[in-house]
Amino acid sequence: MSAEDIKAMPNEKGQIENGENYEYKTEAMEAELTEHNMTVMQAVKAYPMACFWAFVMSFTIIMESYDVFLIGNFIALPEFAQKFGKLDTASVPPAYFIEPKWQSALQMAGQLGALIGVFLAGPLTSRIGYRWATLFGLLLMNATIFIMFFANSLPVFFVAQLLEGLPWGIFIANAPAYCSEIVPLRLRAPATQVLQMFWAIGSIIVGAVTFVYNPRLDEKAYKIPIALQWLFPTPLAILMFCAPESPWWLVRKGRLEEATHSVARLGRKSRLSNPGDTVALMRRVIDLEKSVSAPTYAELFRGTDLRRTLIVCAVYAGQNLAGNLIANQAVYFFEQAGVSTNLAFALGLITSALQMIFVMLSWGLTTHFGRRTLYLWGTGVNVALLVALGIAGSVGKSTASSLAQASLGLIVSVLFTFAAAPVSWCIIAETSAIRLRPLTTGIGRATYYIIEIPCIFLGSFMLNPTGGNLGGKCGYVWGATGFICWIMAYFFLPEMKGRSYRELDIMFKRRVPAREFDKTDIKVEEDE
């Protein structure tokens, strides 16, 4: 459809519109058609700085990933266990270990803090914007690392993790929303999926650092990995101070000139990138969602927004129920599967490196096959592998059984980041209404932590030799929960590939069934 066709197009009442409303709606339709007609490479060339700033914002995820995997590795670190643990005289030879209750407490403390942080992130971001909210989180992160560095007991470590979780909540709620809002339609998938890559990078850094320092027999074995956290917040704070605010947030606040300037900073001048038309597109979508009141958490559970909220919450919950906890506890899992400490750390590092590679491979798959297809296939394959892991753990202790469990644990961890994990970020970013996005991503991530905290206790109990001592048989448990996630996704997860935010708003308002989304045609002039 050409610009001339759009200008001659009547509105939904059969009338030709005049004045400002006609002008901005015409520009909005032109911008939407341009985004639909772009290829991925054209979008990258038209919006190079949008890609850069999405990359910068995604980098904040490294800090949560680093610390989550750091605590998981500390539990398997001999010097940490000797300093803060108890001696297990029943083992041969006797060895120090962290009690299951403290294993679980240390791993869930950060998540508990992040749970509080995500509830703060929504109202904070809605009020002051993504940029300033992220800056606040980065400065807070710098301060909380001090407590962890000087901690001399497990209770102090617990408090330090709890406080570090507060800025994690801000980062994890804001990053997918910001990344999806600053890039054009064709780049939404890779811009949000890169978050999973940074999660893997965080685990690679931790794996490399702890692999190097785990042989040390002094407190530097865990002090230096803690101190390295200070490498990230200050440089990121400087970059975020220079970053443009999300133009969608600025349009929501009625600051149209600033929004136009922000779009201009994100793209380059070309026929594919007209800042004024892009802002008109945003105005059109936000006008569809307009309300007389400020966004509130109560709105997430009313009308068609309830469905959108439930999808986001279910996808976030599914990240903990389909094999993710094996990935987060990879080193400890490998130890309990029967391999040596050094080999366990090496396998953990290999797992993280493979995860990063497979996340990058998933970008093309999501763009080609779509979100729903990749999520269903990825989760289904992981369920089958988890059941196989359970079988390997049930055949008795032997070298072959240990190697099979370690291999399957590695494959499950890697394949999780090939399909279900990265595509989840894309689904989360696209599902929510623009007006409620900071709140929706916040409540969704809160669901993640609410599910993760009991799962951490369960996972630690199942693996610990003084607890359930299940080893690979935990695959049966995670296979069962993963299968439930697959069933829920099959019936309720819509395909949002190639859809503009206007089209998604209309389809949710029309209550289009999930399995009909990809077959539904929405015309460019439709607003209802």
Protein backbone atom coordinates (compact mmCIF):
# COMPACT_ATOMS: atom_id res chain seq x y z
CA MET A 1 0.00 0.00 0.00
CA SER A 2 1.41 3.40 -0.96
CA ALA A 3 1.25 6.73 0.88
CA GLU A 4 -1.30 7.96 -1.69
CA ASP A 5 -3.57 5.00 -0.96
CA ILE A 6 -3.42 5.79 2.75
CA LYS A 7 -4.31 9.44 2.23
CA ALA A 8 -7.38 8.49 0.20
CA MET A 9 -8.53 5.92 2.75
CA PRO A 10 -11.76 6.57 4.69
CA ASN A 11 -11.89 5.98 8.43
CA GLU A 12 -13.93 3.19 10.05
CA LYS A 13 -17.13 5.28 9.71
CA GLY A 14 -16.62 5.73 5.98
CA GLN A 15 -15.48 9.36 6.32
CA ILE A 16 -12.34 11.07 5.09
CA GLU A 17 -10.64 12.58 8.14
CA ASN A 18 -9.27 16.12 8.19
CA GLY A 19 -7.00 18.17 10.41
CA GLU A 20 -4.38 17.01 12.86
CA ASN A 21 -6.05 13.66 13.60
CA TYR A 22 -5.99 12.78 9.88
CA GLU A 23 -2.37 13.87 9.52
CA TYR A 24 -0.97 11.94 12.44
CA LYS A 25 -3.02 8.81 11.71
CA THR A 26 -1.81 8.88 8.10
CA GLU A 27 1.79 9.22 9.29
CA ALA A 28 1.20 6.40 11.78
CA MET A 29 -0.07 4.06 9.07
CA GLU A 30 2.86 4.91 6.82
CA ALA A 31 5.31 4.19 9.66
CA GLU A 32 3.64 0.87 10.47
CA LEU A 33 3.69 -0.27 6.85
CA THR A 34 7.35 0.72 6.63
CA GLU A 35 8.19 -1.40 9.70
CA HIS A 36 6.25 -4.37 8.32
CA ASN A 37 8.11 -4.13 5.00
CA MET A 38 11.57 -3.86 6.54
CA THR A 39 13.92 -6.82 6.55
CA VAL A 40 16.02 -7.50 9.63
CA MET A 41 19.14 -6.04 8.01
CA GLN A 42 17.26 -2.94 6.82
CA ALA A 43 16.02 -2.43 10.38
CA VAL A 44 19.56 -2.73 11.75
CA LYS A 45 20.83 -0.18 9.22
CA ALA A 46 17.93 2.20 9.89
CA TYR A 47 18.24 1.96 13.70
CA PRO A 48 21.93 1.31 14.52
CA MET A 49 21.94 3.25 17.79
CA ALA A 50 18.77 1.50 18.96
CA CYS A 51 20.71 -1.76 18.69
CA PHE A 52 23.59 -0.24 20.66
CA TRP A 53 21.43 1.10 23.51
CA ALA A 54 19.49 -2.18 23.72
CA PHE A 55 22.88 -3.88 24.06
CA VAL A 56 23.87 -1.49 26.87
CA MET A 57 20.61 -1.96 28.79
CA SER A 58 20.86 -5.74 28.40
CA PHE A 59 24.30 -5.61 30.01
CA THR A 60 22.63 -4.89 33.38
CA ILE A 61 21.40 -8.50 33.38
CA ILE A 62 25.00 -9.66 33.77
CA MET A 63 24.96 -8.46 37.37
CA GLU A 64 22.04 -10.64 38.45
CA SER A 65 23.36 -13.58 36.47
CA TYR A 66 26.86 -13.16 37.91
CA ASP A 67 25.65 -13.18 41.49
CA VAL A 68 23.09 -15.97 41.06
CA PHE A 69 25.73 -18.29 39.60
CA LEU A 70 28.36 -17.01 42.07
CA ILE A 71 26.34 -18.16 45.07
CA GLY A 72 25.59 -21.46 43.32
CA ASN A 73 29.33 -21.96 42.74
CA PHE A 74 30.25 -20.88 46.30
CA ILE A 75 28.20 -23.81 47.62
CA ALA A 76 30.52 -26.13 45.67
CA LEU A 77 33.68 -24.12 46.52
CA PRO A 78 35.87 -26.07 49.01
CA GLU A 79 37.29 -22.99 50.80
CA PHE A 80 33.84 -21.38 51.18
CA ALA A 81 32.43 -24.64 52.58
CA GLN A 82 35.35 -24.96 55.01
CA LYS A 83 34.94 -21.35 56.19
CA PHE A 84 31.16 -21.33 56.61
CA GLY A 85 30.08 -24.99 56.53
CA LYS A 86 30.12 -28.15 58.65
CA LEU A 87 32.24 -31.28 58.46
CA ASP A 88 30.50 -34.36 57.08
CA THR A 89 32.28 -37.19 58.88
CA ALA A 90 30.18 -39.80 57.12
CA SER A 91 31.66 -39.01 53.71
CA VAL A 92 34.84 -40.71 52.45
CA PRO A 93 37.06 -38.79 52.84
CA PRO A 94 35.38 -36.41 55.36
CA ALA A 95 34.48 -33.11 53.69
CA TYR A 96 32.98 -29.76 54.60
CA PHE A 97 29.56 -28.84 53.23
CA ILE A 98 27.03 -26.01 53.46
CA GLU A 99 23.88 -27.17 55.23
CA PRO A 100 20.83 -27.55 52.95
CA LYS A 101 18.89 -24.85 54.82
CA TRP A 102 21.72 -22.35 54.21
CA GLN A 103 22.21 -23.48 50.62
CA SER A 104 18.57 -22.67 49.97
CA ALA A 105 18.62 -19.47 52.03
CA LEU A 106 21.66 -18.04 50.23
CA GLN A 107 20.25 -18.86 46.80
CA MET A 108 16.80 -17.46 47.52
CA ALA A 109 17.92 -14.29 49.36
CA GLY A 110 18.73 -12.42 46.16
CA GLN A 111 15.47 -13.57 44.59
CA LEU A 112 13.55 -12.35 47.64
CA GLY A 113 15.19 -8.95 47.34
CA ALA A 114 14.51 -8.91 43.60
CA LEU A 115 10.86 -9.73 44.30
CA ILE A 116 10.67 -6.51 46.30
CA GLY A 117 12.67 -4.70 43.61
CA VAL A 118 10.30 -5.59 40.75
CA PHE A 119 7.34 -4.21 42.68
CA LEU A 120 9.28 -0.98 43.17
CA ALA A 121 10.38 -0.92 39.51
CA GLY A 122 6.91 -0.62 37.96
CA PRO A 123 5.69 2.56 39.74
CA LEU A 124 9.22 4.02 39.77
CA THR A 125 9.70 3.55 36.01
CA SER A 126 6.19 4.75 35.19
CA ARG A 127 6.98 7.95 37.10
CA ILE A 128 10.62 8.79 36.23
CA GLY A 129 11.32 6.67 33.14
CA TYR A 130 13.53 3.69 32.28
CA ARG A 131 16.74 5.70 32.17
CA TRP A 132 16.61 7.27 35.64
CA ALA A 133 15.18 4.14 37.27
CA THR A 134 18.08 2.09 35.88
CA LEU A 135 20.62 4.69 37.02
CA PHE A 136 19.17 4.52 40.53
CA GLY A 137 19.51 0.72 40.48
CA LEU A 138 23.14 0.87 39.33
CA LEU A 139 24.14 3.27 42.12
CA LEU A 140 22.33 1.11 44.67
CA MET A 141 24.16 -1.97 43.32
CA ASN A 142 27.54 -0.33 43.96
CA ALA A 143 26.62 0.20 47.60
CA THR A 144 25.23 -3.27 48.32
CA ILE A 145 28.34 -5.08 47.00
CA PHE A 146 30.27 -3.65 50.00
CA ILE A 147 28.12 -5.61 52.43
CA MET A 148 28.72 -8.89 50.63
CA PHE A 149 32.46 -8.27 50.33
CA PHE A 150 32.91 -7.72 54.07
CA ALA A 151 30.45 -10.46 55.16
CA ASN A 152 31.99 -12.81 57.76
CA SER A 153 29.04 -15.14 58.43
CA LEU A 154 26.23 -16.81 56.54
CA PRO A 155 23.53 -14.52 58.07
CA VAL A 156 25.44 -11.44 56.79
CA PHE A 157 25.81 -13.09 53.37
CA PHE A 158 22.04 -13.62 53.42
CA VAL A 159 21.37 -9.93 54.17
CA ALA A 160 23.88 -8.84 51.51
CA GLN A 161 22.17 -11.02 48.90
CA LEU A 162 18.77 -9.70 49.94
CA LEU A 163 19.86 -6.08 49.46
CA GLU A 164 21.64 -6.82 46.17
CA GLY A 165 18.37 -8.25 44.91
CA LEU A 166 16.65 -4.85 45.06
CA PRO A 167 18.50 -3.39 42.03
CA TRP A 168 18.27 -6.78 40.26
CA GLY A 169 14.50 -6.38 40.35
CA ILE A 170 14.76 -2.97 38.68
CA PHE A 171 17.10 -4.25 35.96
CA ILE A 172 15.15 -7.40 35.17
CA ALA A 173 11.81 -5.56 35.01
CA ASN A 174 13.09 -2.67 32.88
CA ALA A 175 15.51 -4.34 30.46
CA PRO A 176 13.05 -6.36 28.30
CA ALA A 177 10.54 -3.50 28.24
CA TYR A 178 13.10 -0.85 27.28
CA CYS A 179 14.75 -3.04 24.62
CA SER A 180 11.43 -3.85 22.98
CA GLU A 181 10.36 -0.18 22.96
CA ILE A 182 13.42 1.38 21.32
CA VAL A 183 13.75 -0.98 18.32
CA PRO A 184 11.47 -1.47 15.28
CA LEU A 185 9.22 -4.49 14.85
CA ARG A 186 11.75 -6.71 13.04
CA LEU A 187 14.34 -6.32 15.81
CA ARG A 188 12.12 -7.00 18.82
CA ALA A 189 13.05 -10.70 18.97
CA PRO A 190 16.87 -10.35 18.85
CA ALA A 191 16.84 -7.19 21.01
CA THR A 192 15.01 -8.99 23.82
CA GLN A 193 16.62 -12.41 23.35
CA VAL A 194 20.05 -10.84 23.82
CA LEU A 195 19.09 -10.66 27.51
CA GLN A 196 19.49 -14.42 27.72
CA MET A 197 22.89 -14.13 26.09
CA PHE A 198 24.02 -11.69 28.77
CA TRP A 199 22.67 -14.06 31.40
CA ALA A 200 24.97 -16.70 29.89
CA ILE A 201 27.89 -14.24 29.75
CA GLY A 202 27.45 -13.55 33.47
CA SER A 203 27.66 -17.27 34.20
CA ILE A 204 30.74 -17.59 31.93
CA ILE A 205 32.55 -14.86 33.87
CA VAL A 206 31.63 -16.52 37.17
CA GLY A 207 32.61 -19.95 35.87
CA ALA A 208 36.01 -18.70 34.69
CA VAL A 209 36.72 -16.79 37.90
CA THR A 210 35.68 -19.58 40.27
CA PHE A 211 37.50 -22.18 38.15
CA VAL A 212 40.70 -20.17 38.54
CA TYR A 213 40.27 -19.46 42.26
CA ASN A 214 38.62 -22.67 43.53
CA PRO A 215 42.02 -24.38 44.24
CA ARG A 216 43.05 -21.53 46.61
CA LEU A 217 43.04 -22.36 50.31
CA ASP A 218 42.44 -18.85 51.65
CA GLU A 219 39.56 -16.36 51.70
CA LYS A 220 40.63 -14.88 48.34
CA ALA A 221 39.01 -17.92 46.75
CA TYR A 222 35.65 -16.22 47.32
CA LYS A 223 36.62 -12.58 48.09
CA ILE A 224 38.07 -11.84 44.64
CA PRO A 225 34.99 -13.14 42.74
CA ILE A 226 32.84 -10.91 44.97
CA ALA A 227 35.01 -7.85 44.34
CA LEU A 228 34.84 -8.30 40.57
CA GLN A 229 31.17 -7.29 40.73
CA TRP A 230 32.36 -3.68 41.05
CA LEU A 231 33.55 -3.81 37.44
CA PHE A 232 30.02 -3.38 36.08
CA PRO A 233 27.83 -0.70 37.78
CA THR A 234 29.88 2.50 37.34
CA PRO A 235 30.68 2.17 33.60
CA LEU A 236 27.07 1.17 32.93
CA ALA A 237 25.79 4.13 34.95
CA ILE A 238 27.86 6.51 32.79
CA LEU A 239 26.50 4.94 29.60
CA MET A 240 22.89 4.95 30.84
CA PHE A 241 23.21 8.64 31.75
CA CYS A 242 23.97 9.26 28.06
CA ALA A 243 21.23 6.90 26.78
CA PRO A 244 17.98 8.18 25.22
CA GLU A 245 14.74 7.65 27.12
CA SER A 246 12.23 5.24 25.61
CA PRO A 247 10.19 7.27 23.09
CA TRP A 248 7.11 5.20 24.01
CA TRP A 249 7.43 6.37 27.64
CA LEU A 250 7.84 9.98 26.49
CA VAL A 251 4.75 9.76 24.28
CA ARG A 252 2.80 8.29 27.20
CA LYS A 253 3.79 11.41 29.16
CA GLY A 254 2.75 13.71 26.28
CA ARG A 255 6.34 14.87 25.64
CA LEU A 256 6.15 14.53 21.86
CA GLU A 257 9.10 16.77 20.94
CA GLU A 258 11.40 14.84 23.28
CA ALA A 259 10.03 11.59 21.85
CA THR A 260 10.86 12.76 18.32
CA HIS A 261 14.39 13.68 19.44
CA SER A 262 14.76 10.27 21.11
CA VAL A 263 13.68 8.44 17.93
CA ALA A 264 16.15 10.53 15.93
CA ARG A 265 18.94 9.47 18.28
CA LEU A 266 17.97 5.81 17.88
CA GLY A 267 17.89 5.80 14.08
CA ARG A 268 19.61 7.45 11.16
CA LYS A 269 18.02 9.76 8.64
CA SER A 270 16.74 7.69 5.73
CA ARG A 271 13.56 6.82 3.90
CA LEU A 272 13.17 3.88 6.30
CA SER A 273 13.42 5.98 9.47
CA ASN A 274 11.27 9.11 9.82
CA PRO A 275 11.15 10.22 13.51
CA GLY A 276 7.90 12.16 13.09
CA ASP A 277 6.07 9.21 11.50
CA THR A 278 7.39 6.84 14.17
CA VAL A 279 6.12 9.11 16.96
CA ALA A 280 2.74 9.26 15.18
CA LEU A 281 2.67 5.45 15.21
CA MET A 282 3.28 5.51 18.96
CA ARG A 283 0.58 8.14 19.51
CA ARG A 284 -1.93 6.01 17.64
CA VAL A 285 -1.28 2.94 19.81
CA ILE A 286 -1.26 4.92 23.06
CA ASP A 287 -4.51 6.65 22.09
CA LEU A 288 -6.08 3.20 21.69
CA GLU A 289 -5.05 2.36 25.25
CA LYS A 290 -5.82 5.82 26.69
CA SER A 291 -7.30 6.00 30.19
CA VAL A 292 -8.27 8.90 32.44
CA SER A 293 -6.35 7.42 35.37
CA ALA A 294 -2.67 6.59 35.95
CA PRO A 295 -1.69 2.95 35.42
CA THR A 296 -2.19 0.76 38.52
CA TYR A 297 -1.47 -2.87 39.37
CA ALA A 298 -5.24 -3.44 39.72
CA GLU A 299 -5.67 -2.82 35.96
CA LEU A 300 -3.47 -5.83 35.19
CA PHE A 301 -6.23 -8.09 36.47
CA ARG A 302 -9.20 -6.53 34.71
CA GLY A 303 -10.74 -7.12 31.28
CA THR A 304 -8.48 -8.18 28.41
CA ASP A 305 -5.37 -7.09 30.34
CA LEU A 306 -5.93 -10.03 32.69
CA ARG A 307 -5.25 -12.44 29.82
CA ARG A 308 -2.08 -10.60 28.88
CA THR A 309 -0.89 -10.55 32.48
CA LEU A 310 -1.51 -14.29 32.89
CA ILE A 311 0.50 -15.09 29.74
CA VAL A 312 3.48 -13.04 30.97
CA CYS A 313 3.28 -14.59 34.46
CA ALA A 314 2.98 -18.13 33.07
CA VAL A 315 5.96 -17.73 30.73
CA TYR A 316 8.08 -16.29 33.55
CA ALA A 317 7.02 -19.13 35.89
CA GLY A 318 7.87 -21.66 33.19
CA GLN A 319 11.50 -20.53 33.21
CA ASN A 320 11.86 -22.19 36.62
CA LEU A 321 9.81 -25.29 35.89
CA ALA A 322 11.40 -26.70 32.73
CA GLY A 323 15.05 -27.28 33.61
CA ASN A 324 16.36 -23.81 34.44
CA LEU A 325 17.30 -24.67 38.02
CA ILE A 326 19.62 -27.42 36.79
CA ALA A 327 21.35 -24.74 34.70
CA ASN A 328 21.61 -22.37 37.71
CA GLN A 329 23.02 -25.14 39.94
CA ALA A 330 25.10 -26.76 37.19
CA VAL A 331 28.40 -27.08 39.10
CA TYR A 332 26.74 -28.51 42.21
CA PHE A 333 24.63 -30.84 40.06
CA PHE A 334 27.74 -32.15 38.31
CA GLU A 335 29.39 -32.78 41.70
CA GLN A 336 26.37 -34.70 42.96
CA ALA A 337 26.30 -36.66 39.69
CA GLY A 338 29.66 -38.07 40.75
CA VAL A 339 32.33 -36.07 38.91
CA SER A 340 35.36 -34.41 40.57
CA THR A 341 35.27 -30.80 41.81
CA ASN A 342 37.67 -29.51 39.12
CA LEU A 343 35.79 -31.33 36.37
CA ALA A 344 32.48 -30.02 37.76
CA PHE A 345 33.73 -26.41 37.53
CA ALA A 346 35.11 -27.07 34.04
CA LEU A 347 31.78 -28.57 32.90
CA GLY A 348 29.96 -25.57 34.41
CA LEU A 349 32.16 -23.23 32.37
CA ILE A 350 31.62 -25.27 29.19
CA THR A 351 27.86 -25.22 29.81
CA SER A 352 27.84 -21.42 30.11
CA ALA A 353 29.91 -20.98 26.94
CA LEU A 354 27.61 -23.28 24.97
CA GLN A 355 24.57 -21.43 26.33
CA MET A 356 25.87 -18.14 24.93
CA ILE A 357 26.46 -19.69 21.50
CA PHE A 358 23.05 -21.34 21.40
CA VAL A 359 21.26 -18.14 22.43
CA MET A 360 22.76 -16.41 19.39
CA LEU A 361 21.66 -19.30 17.17
CA SER A 362 18.12 -18.95 18.53
CA TRP A 363 17.76 -15.39 17.14
CA GLY A 364 17.36 -16.64 13.58
CA LEU A 365 15.03 -19.45 14.64
CA THR A 366 12.67 -17.07 16.46
CA THR A 367 12.59 -14.67 13.52
CA HIS A 368 11.87 -17.51 11.08
CA PHE A 369 9.63 -19.92 13.00
CA GLY A 370 7.98 -17.59 15.51
CA ARG A 371 7.61 -17.46 19.27
CA ARG A 372 4.92 -20.08 19.91
CA THR A 373 6.48 -22.75 17.67
CA LEU A 374 9.95 -22.43 19.17
CA TYR A 375 8.64 -22.35 22.75
CA LEU A 376 6.55 -25.52 22.26
CA TRP A 377 9.29 -27.49 20.52
CA GLY A 378 12.01 -26.34 22.93
CA THR A 379 9.98 -27.16 26.03
CA GLY A 380 8.83 -30.51 24.61
CA VAL A 381 12.39 -31.65 23.84
CA ASN A 382 13.59 -30.55 27.26
CA VAL A 383 10.83 -32.54 28.97
CA ALA A 384 11.94 -35.69 27.12
CA LEU A 385 15.58 -35.09 28.11
CA LEU A 386 14.64 -34.50 31.76
CA VAL A 387 12.84 -37.84 31.86
CA ALA A 388 15.95 -39.45 30.31
CA LEU A 389 18.02 -37.79 33.06
CA GLY A 390 15.74 -39.36 35.65
CA ILE A 391 16.19 -42.78 34.06
CA ALA A 392 19.99 -42.36 34.04
CA GLY A 393 19.87 -41.54 37.75
CA SER A 394 17.76 -44.63 38.48
CA VAL A 395 20.05 -47.36 37.13
CA GLY A 396 22.48 -47.44 40.05
CA LYS A 397 25.85 -45.81 40.73
CA SER A 398 28.54 -46.39 38.13
CA THR A 399 30.98 -44.42 36.02
CA ALA A 400 28.68 -44.75 33.00
CA SER A 401 25.67 -43.55 35.01
CA SER A 402 27.59 -40.53 36.38
CA LEU A 403 28.78 -39.55 32.91
CA ALA A 404 25.29 -40.00 31.46
CA GLN A 405 23.77 -37.80 34.17
CA ALA A 406 26.45 -35.12 33.74
CA SER A 407 26.02 -35.19 29.94
CA LEU A 408 22.23 -34.98 30.10
CA GLY A 409 22.42 -32.20 32.71
CA LEU A 410 24.70 -30.24 30.37
CA ILE A 411 22.43 -30.84 27.35
CA VAL A 412 19.29 -29.82 29.28
CA SER A 413 21.00 -26.62 30.48
CA VAL A 414 22.18 -25.74 26.98
CA LEU A 415 18.96 -26.57 25.10
CA PHE A 416 16.95 -24.55 27.60
CA THR A 417 18.88 -21.49 26.40
CA PHE A 418 18.44 -22.49 22.76
CA ALA A 419 14.66 -22.27 22.66
CA ALA A 420 12.40 -21.77 25.68
CA ALA A 421 14.59 -19.33 27.63
CA PRO A 422 15.46 -16.71 24.96
CA VAL A 423 12.04 -16.80 23.29
CA SER A 424 10.45 -16.19 26.71
CA TRP A 425 12.01 -12.71 26.86
CA CYS A 426 10.48 -11.88 23.49
CA ILE A 427 7.02 -13.11 24.53
CA ILE A 428 7.21 -11.17 27.81
CA ALA A 429 8.15 -7.92 26.07
CA GLU A 430 5.50 -8.18 23.33
CA THR A 431 2.48 -9.39 25.29
CA SER A 432 1.80 -6.48 27.64
CA ALA A 433 -0.08 -3.32 26.68
CA ILE A 434 2.26 -0.35 26.15
CA ARG A 435 0.54 1.70 28.86
CA LEU A 436 0.94 -1.04 31.47
CA ARG A 437 4.28 -2.44 30.33
CA PRO A 438 6.48 -1.44 33.31
CA LEU A 439 3.87 -2.87 35.69
CA THR A 440 3.27 -6.04 33.65
CA THR A 441 6.95 -6.92 33.36
CA GLY A 442 7.30 -6.22 37.08
CA ILE A 443 4.42 -8.47 38.14
CA GLY A 444 5.59 -11.13 35.68
CA ARG A 445 9.09 -11.18 37.13
CA ALA A 446 7.59 -11.23 40.62
CA THR A 447 5.82 -14.45 39.60
CA TYR A 448 9.20 -15.81 38.49
CA TYR A 449 10.66 -15.20 41.95
CA ILE A 450 7.57 -16.47 43.80
CA ILE A 451 7.90 -19.75 41.89
CA GLU A 452 11.69 -19.83 42.06
CA ILE A 453 12.06 -19.44 45.82
CA PRO A 454 10.28 -22.72 46.77
CA CYS A 455 11.87 -24.41 43.75
CA ILE A 456 15.32 -23.48 45.06
CA PHE A 457 14.53 -25.13 48.39
CA LEU A 458 13.19 -28.17 46.54
CA GLY A 459 16.13 -28.30 44.12
CA SER A 460 18.74 -27.99 46.90
CA PHE A 461 16.98 -30.65 48.97
CA MET A 462 16.76 -33.06 46.03
CA LEU A 463 20.48 -32.73 45.20
CA ASN A 464 22.01 -32.50 48.69
CA PRO A 465 23.50 -35.78 49.98
CA THR A 466 22.07 -35.11 53.46
CA GLY A 467 18.67 -34.27 51.93
CA GLY A 468 16.87 -36.15 49.18
CA ASN A 469 20.14 -37.25 47.51
CA LEU A 470 18.26 -37.82 44.26
CA GLY A 471 21.00 -36.82 41.84
CA GLY A 472 19.77 -37.31 38.27
CA LYS A 473 16.39 -38.60 39.50
CA CYS A 474 15.39 -34.94 40.00
CA GLY A 475 14.80 -35.06 36.22
CA TYR A 476 11.48 -36.81 36.89
CA VAL A 477 10.29 -33.86 39.00
CA TRP A 478 11.39 -31.15 36.56
CA GLY A 479 10.13 -33.23 33.62
CA ALA A 480 6.65 -33.32 35.17
CA THR A 481 6.54 -29.56 35.83
CA GLY A 482 7.94 -28.89 32.35
CA PHE A 483 5.17 -30.99 30.79
CA ILE A 484 2.54 -28.89 32.60
CA CYS A 485 4.20 -25.76 31.13
CA TRP A 486 4.01 -27.32 27.65
CA ILE A 487 0.27 -28.07 28.02
CA MET A 488 -0.46 -24.50 29.20
CA ALA A 489 1.55 -23.01 26.32
CA TYR A 490 -0.19 -25.19 23.71
CA PHE A 491 -3.64 -23.91 24.69
CA PHE A 492 -2.95 -20.32 25.77
CA LEU A 493 0.24 -18.95 24.14
CA PRO A 494 -0.49 -16.88 20.98
CA GLU A 495 1.88 -16.37 18.05
CA MET A 496 3.00 -12.71 18.02
CA LYS A 497 5.63 -12.91 15.29
CA GLY A 498 5.53 -9.93 12.90
CA ARG A 499 2.71 -8.13 14.72
CA SER A 500 2.76 -4.43 15.56
CA TYR A 501 1.69 -3.32 19.02
CA ARG A 502 -1.51 -1.91 17.46
CA GLU A 503 -2.38 -5.29 15.94
CA LEU A 504 -1.71 -7.07 19.22
CA ASP A 505 -3.90 -4.59 21.13
CA ILE A 506 -6.76 -5.17 18.69
CA MET A 507 -6.48 -8.98 18.75
CA PHE A 508 -6.44 -9.12 22.54
CA LYS A 509 -9.44 -6.76 22.70
CA ARG A 510 -11.29 -8.97 20.21
CA ARG A 511 -10.41 -11.99 22.38
CA VAL A 512 -8.92 -13.88 19.43
CA PRO A 513 -8.09 -17.48 20.54
CA ALA A 514 -4.37 -18.17 20.99
CA ARG A 515 -4.19 -20.70 18.14
CA GLU A 516 -5.90 -18.24 15.75
CA PHE A 517 -3.50 -15.31 16.19
CA ASP A 518 -1.32 -16.18 13.19
CA LYS A 519 -4.39 -16.59 10.95
CA THR A 520 -6.08 -13.30 11.90
CA ASP A 521 -5.86 -10.41 9.43
CA ILE A 522 -5.81 -6.88 10.88
CA LYS A 523 -6.00 -4.05 8.32
CA VAL A 524 -3.71 -1.06 8.70
CA GLU A 525 -6.63 1.38 9.07
CA GLU A 526 -8.38 -0.54 11.87
CA ASP A 527 -8.35 0.91 15.37
CA GLU A 528 -10.80 -1.44 17.14
